[in-house]
């Protein structure tokens, strides 16, 4: 760790780190995970240094994004070496459908190789992360469950579970009787297609995550943990209005296996925000029980 980074962390109360950068307060069961989109600017500048910094902060597990045949400009063997050197493990990876941008690494283009490469680096999940605005048509919504089922069947052959990640537009009405999100859930295989529930976006849409856990038990093995302030802006975990404690009480009903800290934007240096969220998480044991 560079001196300037050490001083910055020290000023935020992280003098408890050992020389390898792992907090003594963390047990093997308390593995912190982060979606790397949170630090996308640092990743674009130097992915290896960015991952080293994440490891120094005590994170062990990752959700990545942007695979296009390579991982942040590295082939799978090079990226695997970076993971080994930093002690980080990839749990999940975000991907687009490929309906608009017909690129490698999307569900519609070279998905078999994508799943094989994810398996190579030890990942467990491939997540359909986002529908571009141009994709949000009635025709595409009706086709989406079929695409997810087909994709989930293909990725499963490489030992990779498919999942779908929400924003808030999925909680708009598909028709007079049904929300888009409900349509996806009802028309996809519970085995082939799991859900990655973003707690910020479902809260912003005015719905209760626990209601979905009750209606679709076991479908939500992945969560995004991020908070929302009273103005519906992104904020550090613990600085907003989301009731994480009651949501985490339903973790077994949801089928939760992994959750990832994420913050899309910040009014601070993003690493400062990460530290604030990390402190709150470590001080509240319900995140790990």
C-alpha atoms as a PDB file:
ATOM      1  CA  UNK A   1       0.000   0.000   0.000  1.00  0.00           C
ATOM      2  CA  UNK A   2       1.348   3.416  -0.921  1.00  0.00           C
ATOM      3  CA  UNK A   3       1.919   5.898   1.903  1.00  0.00           C
ATOM      4  CA  UNK A   4      -0.747   8.279   0.610  1.00  0.00           C
ATOM      5  CA  UNK A   5      -3.318   5.467   0.641  1.00  0.00           C
ATOM      6  CA  UNK A   6      -2.283   4.410   4.144  1.00  0.00           C
ATOM      7  CA  UNK A   7      -2.657   7.941   5.426  1.00  0.00           C
ATOM      8  CA  UNK A   8      -6.070   8.280   3.801  1.00  0.00           C
ATOM      9  CA  UNK A   9      -7.285   5.050   5.382  1.00  0.00           C
ATOM     10  CA  UNK A  10      -5.763   5.988   8.726  1.00  0.00           C
ATOM     11  CA  UNK A  11      -7.688   9.241   8.760  1.00  0.00           C
ATOM     12  CA  UNK A  12     -10.879   7.237   8.297  1.00  0.00           C
ATOM     13  CA  UNK A  13     -10.176   4.972  11.239  1.00  0.00           C
ATOM     14  CA  UNK A  14      -8.666   1.944   9.511  1.00  0.00           C
ATOM     15  CA  UNK A  15      -5.484   1.644  11.589  1.00  0.00           C
ATOM     16  CA  UNK A  16      -6.642  -1.853  12.547  1.00  0.00           C
ATOM     17  CA  UNK A  17      -5.499  -3.329   9.254  1.00  0.00           C
ATOM     18  CA  UNK A  18      -2.602  -5.755   9.306  1.00  0.00           C
ATOM     19  CA  UNK A  19       0.240  -5.449   6.833  1.00  0.00           C
ATOM     20  CA  UNK A  20      -1.563  -7.616   4.291  1.00  0.00           C
ATOM     21  CA  UNK A  21      -4.563  -5.305   4.369  1.00  0.00           C
ATOM     22  CA  UNK A  22      -7.073  -7.683   5.996  1.00  0.00           C
ATOM     23  CA  UNK A  23      -8.996  -6.463   9.030  1.00  0.00           C
ATOM     24  CA  UNK A  24      -8.544  -8.547  12.183  1.00  0.00           C
ATOM     25  CA  UNK A  25     -12.281  -8.159  12.841  1.00  0.00           C
ATOM     26  CA  UNK A  26     -13.239 -10.203   9.798  1.00  0.00           C
ATOM     27  CA  UNK A  27     -13.790 -13.946  10.192  1.00  0.00           C
ATOM     28  CA  UNK A  28     -13.747 -16.465   7.358  1.00  0.00           C
ATOM     29  CA  UNK A  29     -17.561 -16.380   7.330  1.00  0.00           C
ATOM     30  CA  UNK A  30     -17.642 -12.598   6.897  1.00  0.00           C
ATOM     31  CA  UNK A  31     -16.427 -12.349   3.332  1.00  0.00           C
ATOM     32  CA  UNK A  32     -17.062  -8.906   1.910  1.00  0.00           C
ATOM     33  CA  UNK A  33     -17.971  -8.684  -1.768  1.00  0.00           C
ATOM     34  CA  UNK A  34     -18.210  -5.729  -4.128  1.00  0.00           C
ATOM     35  CA  UNK A  35     -19.558  -5.041  -7.615  1.00  0.00           C
ATOM     36  CA  UNK A  36     -16.612  -3.529  -9.452  1.00  0.00           C
ATOM     37  CA  UNK A  37     -18.823  -1.068 -11.329  1.00  0.00           C
ATOM     38  CA  UNK A  38     -18.555   0.910  -8.090  1.00  0.00           C
ATOM     39  CA  UNK A  39     -14.898   1.655  -8.885  1.00  0.00           C
ATOM     40  CA  UNK A  40     -15.189   1.723 -12.676  1.00  0.00           C
ATOM     41  CA  UNK A  41     -13.023   4.843 -13.038  1.00  0.00           C
ATOM     42  CA  UNK A  42     -10.165   3.227 -11.135  1.00  0.00           C
ATOM     43  CA  UNK A  43     -10.631   0.016 -13.132  1.00  0.00           C
ATOM     44  CA  UNK A  44     -10.420   1.901 -16.430  1.00  0.00           C
ATOM     45  CA  UNK A  45      -7.179   3.588 -15.334  1.00  0.00           C
ATOM     46  CA  UNK A  46      -5.400   0.500 -14.031  1.00  0.00           C
ATOM     47  CA  UNK A  47      -7.395  -2.659 -13.288  1.00  0.00           C
ATOM     48  CA  UNK A  48      -4.583  -4.414 -11.452  1.00  0.00           C
ATOM     49  CA  UNK A  49      -3.940  -1.521  -9.056  1.00  0.00           C
ATOM     50  CA  UNK A  50      -7.675  -1.065  -8.542  1.00  0.00           C
ATOM     51  CA  UNK A  51      -8.062  -4.712  -7.535  1.00  0.00           C
ATOM     52  CA  UNK A  52      -5.059  -4.472  -5.238  1.00  0.00           C
ATOM     53  CA  UNK A  53      -6.700  -1.533  -3.498  1.00  0.00           C
ATOM     54  CA  UNK A  54      -9.974  -3.427  -3.107  1.00  0.00           C
ATOM     55  CA  UNK A  55      -8.069  -6.344  -1.565  1.00  0.00           C
ATOM     56  CA  UNK A  56      -6.285  -3.964   0.810  1.00  0.00           C
ATOM     57  CA  UNK A  57      -9.695  -2.784   2.014  1.00  0.00           C
ATOM     58  CA  UNK A  58     -10.524  -6.324   3.085  1.00  0.00           C
ATOM     59  CA  UNK A  59     -12.759  -7.443   0.224  1.00  0.00           C
ATOM     60  CA  UNK A  60     -12.498 -11.065  -0.865  1.00  0.00           C
ATOM     61  CA  UNK A  61     -15.224 -11.591  -3.478  1.00  0.00           C
ATOM     62  CA  UNK A  62     -16.095  -9.737  -6.655  1.00  0.00           C
ATOM     63  CA  UNK A  63     -18.832  -9.224  -9.162  1.00  0.00           C
ATOM     64  CA  UNK A  64     -17.289  -8.067 -12.415  1.00  0.00           C
ATOM     65  CA  UNK A  65     -18.623  -6.425 -15.565  1.00  0.00           C
ATOM     66  CA  UNK A  66     -17.578  -5.660 -19.128  1.00  0.00           C
ATOM     67  CA  UNK A  67     -16.392  -9.080 -20.316  1.00  0.00           C
ATOM     68  CA  UNK A  68     -16.040  -8.960 -24.112  1.00  0.00           C
ATOM     69  CA  UNK A  69     -13.778 -11.941 -24.720  1.00  0.00           C
ATOM     70  CA  UNK A  70     -11.317 -10.502 -22.223  1.00  0.00           C
ATOM     71  CA  UNK A  71     -11.503  -9.362 -18.613  1.00  0.00           C
ATOM     72  CA  UNK A  72     -10.651  -5.652 -18.385  1.00  0.00           C
ATOM     73  CA  UNK A  73      -8.233  -6.070 -21.289  1.00  0.00           C
ATOM     74  CA  UNK A  74      -6.656  -9.247 -19.867  1.00  0.00           C
ATOM     75  CA  UNK A  75      -7.102 -12.738 -21.236  1.00  0.00           C
ATOM     76  CA  UNK A  76      -8.488 -15.326 -18.842  1.00  0.00           C
ATOM     77  CA  UNK A  77      -5.078 -16.623 -17.763  1.00  0.00           C
ATOM     78  CA  UNK A  78      -3.722 -13.126 -17.141  1.00  0.00           C
ATOM     79  CA  UNK A  79      -6.821 -12.183 -15.191  1.00  0.00           C
ATOM     80  CA  UNK A  80      -6.676 -15.388 -13.180  1.00  0.00           C
ATOM     81  CA  UNK A  81      -3.098 -14.504 -12.213  1.00  0.00           C
ATOM     82  CA  UNK A  82      -4.227 -11.076 -10.978  1.00  0.00           C
ATOM     83  CA  UNK A  83      -6.938 -12.751  -8.902  1.00  0.00           C
ATOM     84  CA  UNK A  84      -4.442 -15.151  -7.358  1.00  0.00           C
ATOM     85  CA  UNK A  85      -1.981 -12.355  -6.609  1.00  0.00           C
ATOM     86  CA  UNK A  86      -4.637 -10.270  -4.855  1.00  0.00           C
ATOM     87  CA  UNK A  87      -6.465 -13.136  -3.151  1.00  0.00           C
ATOM     88  CA  UNK A  88      -9.719 -12.122  -4.811  1.00  0.00           C
ATOM     89  CA  UNK A  89     -12.411 -14.459  -6.120  1.00  0.00           C
ATOM     90  CA  UNK A  90     -14.966 -13.722  -8.834  1.00  0.00           C
ATOM     91  CA  UNK A  91     -18.431 -14.892  -7.848  1.00  0.00           C
ATOM     92  CA  UNK A  92     -20.516 -13.311 -10.582  1.00  0.00           C
ATOM     93  CA  UNK A  93     -20.290 -11.362 -13.829  1.00  0.00           C
ATOM     94  CA  UNK A  94     -22.623  -8.807 -15.448  1.00  0.00           C
ATOM     95  CA  UNK A  95     -23.608  -8.997 -19.133  1.00  0.00           C
ATOM     96  CA  UNK A  96     -26.058  -7.384 -21.539  1.00  0.00           C
ATOM     97  CA  UNK A  97     -28.504  -9.168 -23.823  1.00  0.00           C
ATOM     98  CA  UNK A  98     -26.860  -8.296 -27.135  1.00  0.00           C
ATOM     99  CA  UNK A  99     -30.198  -7.349 -28.702  1.00  0.00           C
ATOM    100  CA  UNK A 100     -28.915  -3.860 -29.561  1.00  0.00           C
ATOM    101  CA  UNK A 101     -25.134  -4.131 -29.258  1.00  0.00           C
ATOM    102  CA  UNK A 102     -24.216  -7.356 -30.981  1.00  0.00           C
ATOM    103  CA  UNK A 103     -20.965  -7.868 -29.089  1.00  0.00           C
ATOM    104  CA  UNK A 104     -19.092 -10.837 -27.748  1.00  0.00           C
ATOM    105  CA  UNK A 105     -19.891 -11.522 -24.117  1.00  0.00           C
ATOM    106  CA  UNK A 106     -23.611 -10.835 -24.427  1.00  0.00           C
ATOM    107  CA  UNK A 107     -26.369 -13.412 -24.098  1.00  0.00           C
ATOM    108  CA  UNK A 108     -26.903 -13.569 -27.853  1.00  0.00           C
ATOM    109  CA  UNK A 109     -23.260 -13.628 -28.937  1.00  0.00           C
ATOM    110  CA  UNK A 110     -20.649 -16.236 -27.979  1.00  0.00           C
ATOM    111  CA  UNK A 111     -22.407 -17.094 -24.726  1.00  0.00           C
ATOM    112  CA  UNK A 112     -20.953 -20.592 -24.609  1.00  0.00           C
ATOM    113  CA  UNK A 113     -17.375 -19.262 -24.666  1.00  0.00           C
ATOM    114  CA  UNK A 114     -18.326 -16.609 -22.106  1.00  0.00           C
ATOM    115  CA  UNK A 115     -19.611 -19.268 -19.720  1.00  0.00           C
ATOM    116  CA  UNK A 116     -16.506 -21.387 -20.269  1.00  0.00           C
ATOM    117  CA  UNK A 117     -14.235 -18.418 -19.504  1.00  0.00           C
ATOM    118  CA  UNK A 118     -16.202 -17.578 -16.378  1.00  0.00           C
ATOM    119  CA  UNK A 119     -15.918 -21.161 -15.251  1.00  0.00           C
ATOM    120  CA  UNK A 120     -12.156 -20.997 -15.867  1.00  0.00           C
ATOM    121  CA  UNK A 121     -11.724 -18.075 -13.452  1.00  0.00           C
ATOM    122  CA  UNK A 122     -13.943 -19.755 -10.861  1.00  0.00           C
ATOM    123  CA  UNK A 123     -17.138 -17.711 -11.222  1.00  0.00           C
ATOM    124  CA  UNK A 124     -20.528 -19.199 -10.323  1.00  0.00           C
ATOM    125  CA  UNK A 125     -23.050 -16.781 -11.847  1.00  0.00           C
ATOM    126  CA  UNK A 126     -23.612 -14.951 -15.123  1.00  0.00           C
ATOM    127  CA  UNK A 127     -26.094 -12.118 -14.719  1.00  0.00           C
ATOM    128  CA  UNK A 128     -28.175 -10.346 -17.334  1.00  0.00           C
ATOM    129  CA  UNK A 129     -27.471  -6.919 -15.924  1.00  0.00           C
ATOM    130  CA  UNK A 130     -29.433  -4.311 -17.823  1.00  0.00           C
ATOM    131  CA  UNK A 131     -31.857  -3.670 -20.643  1.00  0.00           C
ATOM    132  CA  UNK A 132     -30.855  -0.664 -22.692  1.00  0.00           C
ATOM    133  CA  UNK A 133     -33.602   1.958 -23.122  1.00  0.00           C
ATOM    134  CA  UNK A 134     -33.997   0.933 -26.765  1.00  0.00           C
ATOM    135  CA  UNK A 135     -34.739  -2.629 -25.653  1.00  0.00           C
ATOM    136  CA  UNK A 136     -37.624  -1.682 -23.396  1.00  0.00           C
ATOM    137  CA  UNK A 137     -40.435  -2.431 -25.791  1.00  0.00           C
ATOM    138  CA  UNK A 138     -43.437  -4.706 -25.441  1.00  0.00           C
ATOM    139  CA  UNK A 139     -41.996  -7.015 -28.086  1.00  0.00           C
ATOM    140  CA  UNK A 140     -38.659  -7.384 -26.306  1.00  0.00           C
ATOM    141  CA  UNK A 141     -40.230  -7.807 -22.873  1.00  0.00           C
ATOM    142  CA  UNK A 142     -42.329 -10.692 -24.178  1.00  0.00           C
ATOM    143  CA  UNK A 143     -39.255 -12.338 -25.707  1.00  0.00           C
ATOM    144  CA  UNK A 144     -37.083 -11.847 -22.629  1.00  0.00           C
ATOM    145  CA  UNK A 145     -38.166 -14.920 -20.605  1.00  0.00           C
ATOM    146  CA  UNK A 146     -37.413 -17.163 -23.568  1.00  0.00           C
ATOM    147  CA  UNK A 147     -33.988 -15.607 -24.013  1.00  0.00           C
ATOM    148  CA  UNK A 148     -33.236 -16.022 -20.310  1.00  0.00           C
ATOM    149  CA  UNK A 149     -34.400 -19.653 -20.245  1.00  0.00           C
ATOM    150  CA  UNK A 150     -32.350 -20.546 -23.318  1.00  0.00           C
ATOM    151  CA  UNK A 151     -29.308 -18.709 -21.984  1.00  0.00           C
ATOM    152  CA  UNK A 152     -29.661 -20.344 -18.569  1.00  0.00           C
ATOM    153  CA  UNK A 153     -29.777 -23.781 -20.136  1.00  0.00           C
ATOM    154  CA  UNK A 154     -26.605 -23.048 -22.099  1.00  0.00           C
ATOM    155  CA  UNK A 155     -24.613 -21.561 -19.211  1.00  0.00           C
ATOM    156  CA  UNK A 156     -25.605 -24.458 -16.948  1.00  0.00           C
ATOM    157  CA  UNK A 157     -23.675 -26.800 -19.222  1.00  0.00           C
ATOM    158  CA  UNK A 158     -20.507 -24.990 -18.124  1.00  0.00           C
ATOM    159  CA  UNK A 159     -21.537 -25.015 -14.475  1.00  0.00           C
ATOM    160  CA  UNK A 160     -22.649 -21.378 -14.483  1.00  0.00           C
ATOM    161  CA  UNK A 161     -25.998 -20.242 -13.062  1.00  0.00           C
ATOM    162  CA  UNK A 162     -27.828 -17.513 -14.961  1.00  0.00           C
ATOM    163  CA  UNK A 163     -29.533 -14.680 -13.069  1.00  0.00           C
ATOM    164  CA  UNK A 164     -31.338 -11.446 -13.897  1.00  0.00           C
ATOM    165  CA  UNK A 165     -30.548  -8.095 -12.256  1.00  0.00           C
ATOM    166  CA  UNK A 166     -33.246  -5.438 -11.938  1.00  0.00           C
ATOM    167  CA  UNK A 167     -33.400  -1.691 -12.060  1.00  0.00           C
ATOM    168  CA  UNK A 168     -36.642   0.194 -11.419  1.00  0.00           C
ATOM    169  CA  UNK A 169     -38.222   0.049 -14.883  1.00  0.00           C
ATOM    170  CA  UNK A 170     -39.034  -3.642 -14.396  1.00  0.00           C
ATOM    171  CA  UNK A 171     -41.544  -2.590 -11.753  1.00  0.00           C
ATOM    172  CA  UNK A 172     -43.600  -0.699 -14.296  1.00  0.00           C
ATOM    173  CA  UNK A 173     -46.720  -2.332 -15.676  1.00  0.00           C
ATOM    174  CA  UNK A 174     -46.441  -4.664 -18.638  1.00  0.00           C
ATOM    175  CA  UNK A 175     -50.214  -4.639 -18.887  1.00  0.00           C
ATOM    176  CA  UNK A 176     -53.160  -3.760 -16.653  1.00  0.00           C
ATOM    177  CA  UNK A 177     -52.676  -6.840 -14.485  1.00  0.00           C
ATOM    178  CA  UNK A 178     -48.940  -7.512 -14.336  1.00  0.00           C
ATOM    179  CA  UNK A 179     -45.597  -5.847 -13.693  1.00  0.00           C
ATOM    180  CA  UNK A 180     -42.683  -6.542 -16.029  1.00  0.00           C
ATOM    181  CA  UNK A 181     -40.717  -8.077 -13.154  1.00  0.00           C
ATOM    182  CA  UNK A 182     -43.556 -10.439 -12.257  1.00  0.00           C
ATOM    183  CA  UNK A 183     -43.875 -11.455 -15.908  1.00  0.00           C
ATOM    184  CA  UNK A 184     -40.176 -12.372 -15.969  1.00  0.00           C
ATOM    185  CA  UNK A 185     -40.445 -14.373 -12.745  1.00  0.00           C
ATOM    186  CA  UNK A 186     -43.560 -16.262 -13.802  1.00  0.00           C
ATOM    187  CA  UNK A 187     -42.288 -17.162 -17.264  1.00  0.00           C
ATOM    188  CA  UNK A 188     -38.747 -18.273 -16.483  1.00  0.00           C
ATOM    189  CA  UNK A 189     -37.560 -21.556 -15.040  1.00  0.00           C
ATOM    190  CA  UNK A 190     -36.872 -21.306 -11.277  1.00  0.00           C
ATOM    191  CA  UNK A 191     -33.880 -23.584 -11.844  1.00  0.00           C
ATOM    192  CA  UNK A 192     -32.417 -21.998 -14.967  1.00  0.00           C
ATOM    193  CA  UNK A 193     -33.033 -18.343 -14.102  1.00  0.00           C
ATOM    194  CA  UNK A 194     -32.373 -16.914 -10.636  1.00  0.00           C
ATOM    195  CA  UNK A 195     -32.730 -13.255  -9.684  1.00  0.00           C
ATOM    196  CA  UNK A 196     -30.178 -10.762  -8.452  1.00  0.00           C
ATOM    197  CA  UNK A 197     -32.266  -8.299  -6.484  1.00  0.00           C
ATOM    198  CA  UNK A 198     -30.990  -4.731  -6.344  1.00  0.00           C
ATOM    199  CA  UNK A 199     -32.318  -3.430  -3.046  1.00  0.00           C
ATOM    200  CA  UNK A 200     -31.901   0.211  -4.046  1.00  0.00           C
ATOM    201  CA  UNK A 201     -33.900  -0.020  -7.270  1.00  0.00           C
ATOM    202  CA  UNK A 202     -36.786  -2.068  -5.890  1.00  0.00           C
ATOM    203  CA  UNK A 203     -37.059   0.339  -2.953  1.00  0.00           C
ATOM    204  CA  UNK A 204     -36.984   3.329  -5.268  1.00  0.00           C
ATOM    205  CA  UNK A 205     -39.827   1.726  -7.236  1.00  0.00           C
ATOM    206  CA  UNK A 206     -41.866   1.630  -4.027  1.00  0.00           C
ATOM    207  CA  UNK A 207     -41.982  -2.135  -3.516  1.00  0.00           C
ATOM    208  CA  UNK A 208     -40.950  -4.357  -0.610  1.00  0.00           C
ATOM    209  CA  UNK A 209     -38.258  -6.989  -1.306  1.00  0.00           C
ATOM    210  CA  UNK A 210     -39.639  -9.272   1.414  1.00  0.00           C
ATOM    211  CA  UNK A 211     -42.956  -9.562  -0.437  1.00  0.00           C
ATOM    212  CA  UNK A 212     -41.090 -11.039  -3.392  1.00  0.00           C
ATOM    213  CA  UNK A 213     -39.147 -13.441  -1.169  1.00  0.00           C
ATOM    214  CA  UNK A 214     -42.469 -14.710   0.195  1.00  0.00           C
ATOM    215  CA  UNK A 215     -43.989 -15.093  -3.266  1.00  0.00           C
ATOM    216  CA  UNK A 216     -40.937 -16.631  -4.946  1.00  0.00           C
ATOM    217  CA  UNK A 217     -38.892 -18.372  -2.222  1.00  0.00           C
ATOM    218  CA  UNK A 218     -35.409 -19.402  -3.221  1.00  0.00           C
ATOM    219  CA  UNK A 219     -35.295 -17.326  -6.406  1.00  0.00           C
ATOM    220  CA  UNK A 220     -33.018 -14.576  -5.029  1.00  0.00           C
ATOM    221  CA  UNK A 221     -29.518 -15.944  -4.325  1.00  0.00           C
ATOM    222  CA  UNK A 222     -27.808 -12.649  -5.225  1.00  0.00           C
ATOM    223  CA  UNK A 223     -28.446  -9.156  -3.833  1.00  0.00           C
ATOM    224  CA  UNK A 224     -26.993  -5.722  -4.467  1.00  0.00           C
ATOM    225  CA  UNK A 225     -26.550  -3.830  -1.208  1.00  0.00           C
ATOM    226  CA  UNK A 226     -26.723  -0.074  -1.682  1.00  0.00           C
ATOM    227  CA  UNK A 227     -28.572   2.666   0.128  1.00  0.00           C
ATOM    228  CA  UNK A 228     -30.859   5.524  -0.880  1.00  0.00           C
ATOM    229  CA  UNK A 229     -31.179   8.902   0.787  1.00  0.00           C
ATOM    230  CA  UNK A 230     -34.429  10.853   1.212  1.00  0.00           C
ATOM    231  CA  UNK A 231     -33.882  12.463  -2.210  1.00  0.00           C
ATOM    232  CA  UNK A 232     -33.622   8.971  -3.813  1.00  0.00           C
ATOM    233  CA  UNK A 233     -29.936   9.511  -4.549  1.00  0.00           C
ATOM    234  CA  UNK A 234     -27.258   6.874  -3.967  1.00  0.00           C
ATOM    235  CA  UNK A 235     -25.549   7.018  -0.609  1.00  0.00           C
ATOM    236  CA  UNK A 236     -23.340   4.906   1.633  1.00  0.00           C
ATOM    237  CA  UNK A 237     -24.872   1.861   3.310  1.00  0.00           C
ATOM    238  CA  UNK A 238     -26.235   3.011   6.658  1.00  0.00           C
ATOM    239  CA  UNK A 239     -26.572   6.645   5.593  1.00  0.00           C
ATOM    240  CA  UNK A 240     -29.913   6.156   3.878  1.00  0.00           C
ATOM    241  CA  UNK A 241     -33.439   4.932   4.450  1.00  0.00           C
ATOM    242  CA  UNK A 242     -33.377   1.287   3.335  1.00  0.00           C
ATOM    243  CA  UNK A 243     -34.289  -1.115   6.151  1.00  0.00           C
ATOM    244  CA  UNK A 244     -31.511  -3.646   5.636  1.00  0.00           C
ATOM    245  CA  UNK A 245     -32.085  -5.299   9.009  1.00  0.00           C
ATOM    246  CA  UNK A 246     -35.618  -6.437   8.227  1.00  0.00           C
ATOM    247  CA  UNK A 247     -34.693  -7.387   4.667  1.00  0.00           C
ATOM    248  CA  UNK A 248     -31.828  -9.562   5.906  1.00  0.00           C
ATOM    249  CA  UNK A 249     -34.185 -11.303   8.338  1.00  0.00           C
ATOM    250  CA  UNK A 250     -35.747 -12.876   5.241  1.00  0.00           C
ATOM    251  CA  UNK A 251     -32.447 -14.021   3.725  1.00  0.00           C
ATOM    252  CA  UNK A 252     -33.255 -17.743   4.098  1.00  0.00           C
ATOM    253  CA  UNK A 253     -36.657 -17.371   2.474  1.00  0.00           C
ATOM    254  CA  UNK A 254     -34.990 -15.491  -0.391  1.00  0.00           C
ATOM    255  CA  UNK A 255     -32.336 -18.170  -0.833  1.00  0.00           C
ATOM    256  CA  UNK A 256     -29.535 -15.620  -0.396  1.00  0.00           C
ATOM    257  CA  UNK A 257     -26.092 -17.003  -1.212  1.00  0.00           C
ATOM    258  CA  UNK A 258     -24.016 -13.875  -1.972  1.00  0.00           C
ATOM    259  CA  UNK A 259     -24.472 -10.131  -1.721  1.00  0.00           C
ATOM    260  CA  UNK A 260     -22.395  -7.356  -3.243  1.00  0.00           C
ATOM    261  CA  UNK A 261     -21.777  -3.838  -2.020  1.00  0.00           C
ATOM    262  CA  UNK A 262     -22.417  -1.346  -4.792  1.00  0.00           C
ATOM    263  CA  UNK A 263     -22.664   2.412  -5.063  1.00  0.00           C
ATOM    264  CA  UNK A 264     -23.330   3.828  -8.517  1.00  0.00           C
ATOM    265  CA  UNK A 265     -22.140   7.349  -7.682  1.00  0.00           C
ATOM    266  CA  UNK A 266     -21.007   9.423  -4.732  1.00  0.00           C
ATOM    267  CA  UNK A 267     -20.544  13.010  -3.617  1.00  0.00           C
ATOM    268  CA  UNK A 268     -17.201  11.877  -2.116  1.00  0.00           C
ATOM    269  CA  UNK A 269     -14.200   9.976  -3.374  1.00  0.00           C
ATOM    270  CA  UNK A 270     -15.716   6.572  -4.108  1.00  0.00           C
ATOM    271  CA  UNK A 271     -13.144   4.759  -1.983  1.00  0.00           C
ATOM    272  CA  UNK A 272     -14.115   6.942   0.967  1.00  0.00           C
ATOM    273  CA  UNK A 273     -17.718   5.903   0.423  1.00  0.00           C
ATOM    274  CA  UNK A 274     -16.699   2.255   0.301  1.00  0.00           C
ATOM    275  CA  UNK A 275     -14.922   2.607   3.641  1.00  0.00           C
ATOM    276  CA  UNK A 276     -17.993   4.243   5.226  1.00  0.00           C
ATOM    277  CA  UNK A 277     -20.247   1.440   3.980  1.00  0.00           C
ATOM    278  CA  UNK A 278     -17.763  -1.203   5.084  1.00  0.00           C
ATOM    279  CA  UNK A 279     -17.599   0.209   8.608  1.00  0.00           C
ATOM    280  CA  UNK A 280     -21.381   0.165   8.910  1.00  0.00           C
ATOM    281  CA  UNK A 281     -21.636  -3.385   7.576  1.00  0.00           C
ATOM    282  CA  UNK A 282     -18.978  -4.709   9.936  1.00  0.00           C
ATOM    283  CA  UNK A 283     -20.703  -3.052  12.892  1.00  0.00           C
ATOM    284  CA  UNK A 284     -24.044  -4.722  12.116  1.00  0.00           C
ATOM    285  CA  UNK A 285     -23.820  -8.519  12.399  1.00  0.00           C
ATOM    286  CA  UNK A 286     -27.163  -9.152  10.703  1.00  0.00           C
ATOM    287  CA  UNK A 287     -25.397  -8.720   7.359  1.00  0.00           C
ATOM    288  CA  UNK A 288     -23.564 -11.997   8.038  1.00  0.00           C
ATOM    289  CA  UNK A 289     -26.074 -14.142   9.950  1.00  0.00           C
END
